[in-house]
Amino acid sequence: MKQKSPIVSWLGLNRSLGQQKNLSVLLGIINAVLVLILCFHVLAPPLVIVYDRGEKNFMQAKRLNVEVTTSDLEKVASEFVIARYQWDQFDKNSILKGITPIISKNLVRKVEKELTKLSKQFPKDKLISQSIANLKTNVSMEKILISFDRILKVDGIPLVTPIEIEFLMKEDKANYLNPLGIYINNLVQYEAI
């Protein structure tokens, strides 16, 4: 067998390394272009499609830092009052499901204990519903104060109780159920007897 000369082998190896170098540079450029395209698409504002009554509306979204206002705090407190105190038939689980997205984890346990005690007070043979009226809010720098009339109906007979609730709020992680990230951290309820 005839062996190749070292010079021919060396030239072949250099040619092969040169081709691999050119291929690596080309693939690196392609990779850089793909990364730039990916970054452009990730950082671009999303297209929002709103489907309303059979009509599609296309909107370009903007990324903004949203400031929490007093009306946002009032809205969260009012949502809590409606979800907690207004029901056609008492169901502890559905009440908890309605208020859990807007209250802190510590307060969930406190409200759950309160609802368990309340469920034991209601007679099983009576038709009981509850609603609210005259909802008034007062927001100051220290607290949020909501007053309303709780109307408890037992077999259609209304029992009206004025209630005042003082809320303490906190900001935490936002999620799709609570996009502003405002949570009720504590509450004190005053009830006329």
C-alpha atoms as a PDB file:
ATOM      1  CA  MET A   1       0.000   0.000   0.000  1.00  0.00           C
ATOM      2  CA  LYS A   2       1.116   3.397  -0.910  1.00  0.00           C
ATOM      3  CA  GLN A   3       1.120   6.045   1.801  1.00  0.00           C
ATOM      4  CA  LYS A   4       0.213   9.689   1.141  1.00  0.00           C
ATOM      5  CA  SER A   5       2.928  12.174   1.595  1.00  0.00           C
ATOM      6  CA  PRO A   6       2.752  14.305   4.740  1.00  0.00           C
ATOM      7  CA  ILE A   7       2.469  17.507   2.685  1.00  0.00           C
ATOM      8  CA  VAL A   8      -0.657  16.276   0.833  1.00  0.00           C
ATOM      9  CA  SER A   9      -2.237  15.146   4.129  1.00  0.00           C
ATOM     10  CA  TRP A  10      -1.410  18.469   5.732  1.00  0.00           C
ATOM     11  CA  LEU A  11      -2.920  20.467   2.822  1.00  0.00           C
ATOM     12  CA  GLY A  12      -6.072  18.292   2.929  1.00  0.00           C
ATOM     13  CA  LEU A  13      -6.425  18.842   6.667  1.00  0.00           C
ATOM     14  CA  ASN A  14      -6.003  22.631   6.254  1.00  0.00           C
ATOM     15  CA  ARG A  15      -8.604  22.692   3.465  1.00  0.00           C
ATOM     16  CA  SER A  16     -11.036  20.723   5.652  1.00  0.00           C
ATOM     17  CA  LEU A  17     -10.439  23.031   8.659  1.00  0.00           C
ATOM     18  CA  GLY A  18     -10.957  26.111   6.454  1.00  0.00           C
ATOM     19  CA  GLN A  19     -14.296  24.744   5.214  1.00  0.00           C
ATOM     20  CA  GLN A  20     -15.406  24.009   8.799  1.00  0.00           C
ATOM     21  CA  LYS A  21     -14.349  27.519   9.871  1.00  0.00           C
ATOM     22  CA  ASN A  22     -16.388  29.108   7.055  1.00  0.00           C
ATOM     23  CA  LEU A  23     -19.375  26.891   7.888  1.00  0.00           C
ATOM     24  CA  SER A  24     -19.124  27.849  11.602  1.00  0.00           C
ATOM     25  CA  VAL A  25     -19.011  31.580  10.759  1.00  0.00           C
ATOM     26  CA  LEU A  26     -22.065  31.210   8.455  1.00  0.00           C
ATOM     27  CA  LEU A  27     -24.023  29.277  11.109  1.00  0.00           C
ATOM     28  CA  GLY A  28     -23.039  31.872  13.761  1.00  0.00           C
ATOM     29  CA  ILE A  29     -24.390  34.703  11.570  1.00  0.00           C
ATOM     30  CA  ILE A  30     -27.637  32.796  10.953  1.00  0.00           C
ATOM     31  CA  ASN A  31     -27.957  32.139  14.692  1.00  0.00           C
ATOM     32  CA  ALA A  32     -27.398  35.848  15.526  1.00  0.00           C
ATOM     33  CA  VAL A  33     -30.072  36.901  13.009  1.00  0.00           C
ATOM     34  CA  LEU A  34     -32.544  34.382  14.482  1.00  0.00           C
ATOM     35  CA  VAL A  35     -31.852  35.632  18.024  1.00  0.00           C
ATOM     36  CA  LEU A  36     -32.476  39.244  16.903  1.00  0.00           C
ATOM     37  CA  ILE A  37     -35.764  38.229  15.245  1.00  0.00           C
ATOM     38  CA  LEU A  38     -36.810  36.332  18.371  1.00  0.00           C
ATOM     39  CA  CYS A  39     -35.988  39.314  20.639  1.00  0.00           C
ATOM     40  CA  PHE A  40     -37.950  41.631  18.344  1.00  0.00           C
ATOM     41  CA  HIS A  41     -41.039  39.400  18.547  1.00  0.00           C
ATOM     42  CA  VAL A  42     -40.784  38.828  22.295  1.00  0.00           C
ATOM     43  CA  LEU A  43     -40.382  42.522  23.121  1.00  0.00           C
ATOM     44  CA  ALA A  44     -43.002  43.748  20.641  1.00  0.00           C
ATOM     45  CA  PRO A  45     -46.359  44.658  22.183  1.00  0.00           C
ATOM     46  CA  PRO A  46     -48.910  41.885  21.744  1.00  0.00           C
ATOM     47  CA  LEU A  47     -51.887  42.083  19.441  1.00  0.00           C
ATOM     48  CA  VAL A  48     -55.130  41.889  21.422  1.00  0.00           C
ATOM     49  CA  ILE A  49     -58.246  40.560  19.754  1.00  0.00           C
ATOM     50  CA  VAL A  50     -61.492  41.484  21.503  1.00  0.00           C
ATOM     51  CA  TYR A  51     -64.470  39.391  20.467  1.00  0.00           C
ATOM     52  CA  ASP A  52     -67.636  41.281  21.408  1.00  0.00           C
ATOM     53  CA  ARG A  53     -71.143  40.325  20.249  1.00  0.00           C
ATOM     54  CA  GLY A  54     -69.922  38.573  17.123  1.00  0.00           C
ATOM     55  CA  GLU A  55     -67.562  41.383  16.140  1.00  0.00           C
ATOM     56  CA  LYS A  56     -63.766  41.163  16.250  1.00  0.00           C
ATOM     57  CA  ASN A  57     -61.763  44.238  17.235  1.00  0.00           C
ATOM     58  CA  PHE A  58     -57.987  44.234  16.841  1.00  0.00           C
ATOM     59  CA  MET A  59     -55.889  46.429  19.129  1.00  0.00           C
ATOM     60  CA  GLN A  60     -52.189  46.899  19.706  1.00  0.00           C
ATOM     61  CA  ALA A  61     -51.412  46.594  23.415  1.00  0.00           C
ATOM     62  CA  LYS A  62     -49.005  48.813  25.318  1.00  0.00           C
ATOM     63  CA  ARG A  63     -46.850  47.870  28.289  1.00  0.00           C
ATOM     64  CA  LEU A  64     -47.411  50.406  31.059  1.00  0.00           C
ATOM     65  CA  ASN A  65     -46.743  50.662  34.761  1.00  0.00           C
ATOM     66  CA  VAL A  66     -50.149  51.139  36.324  1.00  0.00           C
ATOM     67  CA  GLU A  67     -50.471  53.321  39.400  1.00  0.00           C
ATOM     68  CA  VAL A  68     -52.939  52.153  42.032  1.00  0.00           C
ATOM     69  CA  THR A  69     -55.548  54.838  42.698  1.00  0.00           C
ATOM     70  CA  THR A  70     -58.082  55.303  45.472  1.00  0.00           C
ATOM     71  CA  SER A  71     -60.844  54.231  43.091  1.00  0.00           C
ATOM     72  CA  ASP A  72     -58.996  50.924  42.568  1.00  0.00           C
ATOM     73  CA  LEU A  73     -58.880  50.408  46.335  1.00  0.00           C
ATOM     74  CA  GLU A  74     -62.594  51.236  46.595  1.00  0.00           C
ATOM     75  CA  LYS A  75     -63.368  48.781  43.809  1.00  0.00           C
ATOM     76  CA  VAL A  76     -61.489  45.909  45.492  1.00  0.00           C
ATOM     77  CA  ALA A  77     -63.188  46.600  48.833  1.00  0.00           C
ATOM     78  CA  SER A  78     -66.631  46.800  47.172  1.00  0.00           C
ATOM     79  CA  GLU A  79     -65.990  43.533  45.291  1.00  0.00           C
ATOM     80  CA  PHE A  80     -65.160  41.877  48.607  1.00  0.00           C
ATOM     81  CA  VAL A  81     -68.339  43.148  50.271  1.00  0.00           C
ATOM     82  CA  ILE A  82     -70.534  41.984  47.392  1.00  0.00           C
ATOM     83  CA  ALA A  83     -68.856  38.569  47.138  1.00  0.00           C
ATOM     84  CA  ARG A  84     -68.881  38.021  50.903  1.00  0.00           C
ATOM     85  CA  TYR A  85     -72.261  39.430  51.960  1.00  0.00           C
ATOM     86  CA  GLN A  86     -74.577  38.940  48.980  1.00  0.00           C
ATOM     87  CA  TRP A  87     -75.913  35.430  48.275  1.00  0.00           C
ATOM     88  CA  ASP A  88     -79.186  33.672  47.482  1.00  0.00           C
ATOM     89  CA  GLN A  89     -78.328  30.537  49.411  1.00  0.00           C
ATOM     90  CA  PHE A  90     -75.494  30.237  51.908  1.00  0.00           C
ATOM     91  CA  ASP A  91     -72.622  28.198  50.465  1.00  0.00           C
ATOM     92  CA  LYS A  92     -69.294  28.608  52.259  1.00  0.00           C
ATOM     93  CA  ASN A  93     -67.261  27.265  49.324  1.00  0.00           C
ATOM     94  CA  SER A  94     -68.740  29.589  46.694  1.00  0.00           C
ATOM     95  CA  ILE A  95     -68.283  32.597  48.999  1.00  0.00           C
ATOM     96  CA  LEU A  96     -64.630  31.643  49.582  1.00  0.00           C
ATOM     97  CA  LYS A  97     -64.142  31.119  45.845  1.00  0.00           C
ATOM     98  CA  GLY A  98     -65.475  34.626  45.186  1.00  0.00           C
ATOM     99  CA  ILE A  99     -63.257  36.402  47.702  1.00  0.00           C
ATOM    100  CA  THR A 100     -60.030  34.366  47.543  1.00  0.00           C
ATOM    101  CA  PRO A 101     -58.520  36.255  44.540  1.00  0.00           C
ATOM    102  CA  ILE A 102     -58.655  39.585  46.403  1.00  0.00           C
ATOM    103  CA  ILE A 103     -57.631  38.647  49.954  1.00  0.00           C
ATOM    104  CA  SER A 104     -54.281  37.584  51.414  1.00  0.00           C
ATOM    105  CA  LYS A 105     -53.588  33.963  52.348  1.00  0.00           C
ATOM    106  CA  ASN A 106     -53.675  34.710  56.093  1.00  0.00           C
ATOM    107  CA  LEU A 107     -57.068  36.342  55.789  1.00  0.00           C
ATOM    108  CA  VAL A 108     -58.467  33.341  53.858  1.00  0.00           C
ATOM    109  CA  ARG A 109     -58.052  31.155  56.945  1.00  0.00           C
ATOM    110  CA  LYS A 110     -59.662  33.774  59.194  1.00  0.00           C
ATOM    111  CA  VAL A 111     -62.680  34.223  56.890  1.00  0.00           C
ATOM    112  CA  GLU A 112     -63.028  30.455  56.453  1.00  0.00           C
ATOM    113  CA  LYS A 113     -63.286  29.999  60.241  1.00  0.00           C
ATOM    114  CA  GLU A 114     -65.842  32.804  60.415  1.00  0.00           C
ATOM    115  CA  LEU A 115     -67.945  31.249  57.621  1.00  0.00           C
ATOM    116  CA  THR A 116     -67.806  27.821  59.295  1.00  0.00           C
ATOM    117  CA  LYS A 117     -69.158  29.333  62.536  1.00  0.00           C
ATOM    118  CA  LEU A 118     -71.827  31.191  60.554  1.00  0.00           C
ATOM    119  CA  SER A 119     -72.962  28.029  58.747  1.00  0.00           C
ATOM    120  CA  LYS A 120     -73.640  26.335  62.095  1.00  0.00           C
ATOM    121  CA  GLN A 121     -75.895  29.212  63.169  1.00  0.00           C
ATOM    122  CA  PHE A 122     -78.318  28.943  60.227  1.00  0.00           C
ATOM    123  CA  PRO A 123     -81.215  26.494  60.677  1.00  0.00           C
ATOM    124  CA  LYS A 124     -81.310  23.869  57.920  1.00  0.00           C
ATOM    125  CA  ASP A 125     -85.108  23.947  57.476  1.00  0.00           C
ATOM    126  CA  LYS A 126     -85.320  27.712  56.727  1.00  0.00           C
ATOM    127  CA  LEU A 127     -84.860  29.465  53.380  1.00  0.00           C
ATOM    128  CA  ILE A 128     -82.100  32.017  54.007  1.00  0.00           C
ATOM    129  CA  SER A 129     -80.682  34.653  51.652  1.00  0.00           C
ATOM    130  CA  GLN A 130     -78.666  37.805  52.156  1.00  0.00           C
ATOM    131  CA  SER A 131     -78.192  41.051  50.236  1.00  0.00           C
ATOM    132  CA  ILE A 132     -76.674  44.477  50.791  1.00  0.00           C
ATOM    133  CA  ALA A 133     -77.996  48.013  50.389  1.00  0.00           C
ATOM    134  CA  ASN A 134     -76.758  51.602  50.840  1.00  0.00           C
ATOM    135  CA  LEU A 135     -73.105  50.773  50.123  1.00  0.00           C
ATOM    136  CA  LYS A 136     -70.890  53.771  50.991  1.00  0.00           C
ATOM    137  CA  THR A 137     -67.096  53.938  50.830  1.00  0.00           C
ATOM    138  CA  ASN A 138     -64.654  56.330  52.457  1.00  0.00           C
ATOM    139  CA  VAL A 139     -60.979  56.110  51.481  1.00  0.00           C
ATOM    140  CA  SER A 140     -58.267  57.878  53.437  1.00  0.00           C
ATOM    141  CA  MET A 141     -54.499  57.467  53.525  1.00  0.00           C
ATOM    142  CA  GLU A 142     -54.654  55.127  56.528  1.00  0.00           C
ATOM    143  CA  LYS A 143     -57.658  52.933  55.780  1.00  0.00           C
ATOM    144  CA  ILE A 144     -60.715  52.172  53.701  1.00  0.00           C
ATOM    145  CA  LEU A 145     -64.036  52.324  55.480  1.00  0.00           C
ATOM    146  CA  ILE A 146     -67.169  50.788  53.929  1.00  0.00           C
ATOM    147  CA  SER A 147     -70.610  50.999  55.456  1.00  0.00           C
ATOM    148  CA  PHE A 148     -73.726  49.199  54.227  1.00  0.00           C
ATOM    149  CA  ASP A 149     -76.931  47.602  55.373  1.00  0.00           C
ATOM    150  CA  ARG A 150     -76.930  43.807  55.459  1.00  0.00           C
ATOM    151  CA  ILE A 151     -80.389  42.412  54.716  1.00  0.00           C
ATOM    152  CA  LEU A 152     -80.726  38.844  55.960  1.00  0.00           C
ATOM    153  CA  LYS A 153     -83.976  37.209  54.829  1.00  0.00           C
ATOM    154  CA  VAL A 154     -85.210  34.203  56.769  1.00  0.00           C
ATOM    155  CA  ASP A 155     -88.216  32.660  54.985  1.00  0.00           C
ATOM    156  CA  GLY A 156     -88.758  36.027  53.265  1.00  0.00           C
ATOM    157  CA  ILE A 157     -88.707  38.099  56.484  1.00  0.00           C
ATOM    158  CA  PRO A 158     -85.936  40.734  56.268  1.00  0.00           C
ATOM    159  CA  LEU A 159     -83.630  41.519  59.156  1.00  0.00           C
ATOM    160  CA  VAL A 160     -81.579  44.667  58.498  1.00  0.00           C
ATOM    161  CA  THR A 161     -78.250  45.197  60.243  1.00  0.00           C
ATOM    162  CA  PRO A 162     -75.988  48.213  59.613  1.00  0.00           C
ATOM    163  CA  ILE A 163     -72.383  47.109  59.169  1.00  0.00           C
ATOM    164  CA  GLU A 164     -69.143  49.030  58.904  1.00  0.00           C
ATOM    165  CA  ILE A 165     -65.905  47.390  57.759  1.00  0.00           C
ATOM    166  CA  GLU A 166     -62.412  48.824  57.998  1.00  0.00           C
ATOM    167  CA  PHE A 167     -59.943  47.411  55.441  1.00  0.00           C
ATOM    168  CA  LEU A 168     -56.162  47.338  55.360  1.00  0.00           C
ATOM    169  CA  MET A 169     -54.725  46.687  51.893  1.00  0.00           C
ATOM    170  CA  LYS A 170     -51.371  45.531  50.577  1.00  0.00           C
ATOM    171  CA  GLU A 171     -49.762  45.198  47.175  1.00  0.00           C
ATOM    172  CA  ASP A 172     -48.420  41.814  46.101  1.00  0.00           C
ATOM    173  CA  LYS A 173     -47.950  39.739  42.967  1.00  0.00           C
ATOM    174  CA  ALA A 174     -50.536  40.343  40.272  1.00  0.00           C
ATOM    175  CA  ASN A 175     -52.261  37.459  38.520  1.00  0.00           C
ATOM    176  CA  TYR A 176     -55.018  37.032  35.968  1.00  0.00           C
ATOM    177  CA  LEU A 177     -57.720  37.044  38.678  1.00  0.00           C
ATOM    178  CA  ASN A 178     -56.233  40.114  40.381  1.00  0.00           C
ATOM    179  CA  PRO A 179     -54.383  42.085  37.671  1.00  0.00           C
ATOM    180  CA  LEU A 180     -53.546  45.074  39.897  1.00  0.00           C
ATOM    181  CA  GLY A 181     -52.118  42.929  42.703  1.00  0.00           C
ATOM    182  CA  ILE A 182     -54.131  44.682  45.431  1.00  0.00           C
ATOM    183  CA  TYR A 183     -55.073  42.378  48.292  1.00  0.00           C
ATOM    184  CA  ILE A 184     -57.098  42.879  51.452  1.00  0.00           C
ATOM    185  CA  ASN A 185     -54.662  42.044  54.228  1.00  0.00           C
ATOM    186  CA  ASN A 186     -56.878  42.578  57.260  1.00  0.00           C
ATOM    187  CA  LEU A 187     -60.374  43.745  58.090  1.00  0.00           C
ATOM    188  CA  VAL A 188     -62.295  44.760  61.172  1.00  0.00           C
ATOM    189  CA  GLN A 189     -66.071  44.487  61.110  1.00  0.00           C
ATOM    190  CA  TYR A 190     -68.338  46.624  63.273  1.00  0.00           C
ATOM    191  CA  GLU A 191     -71.938  45.479  63.557  1.00  0.00           C
ATOM    192  CA  ALA A 192     -74.864  47.221  65.207  1.00  0.00           C
ATOM    193  CA  ILE A 193     -76.564  44.893  67.647  1.00  0.00           C
END
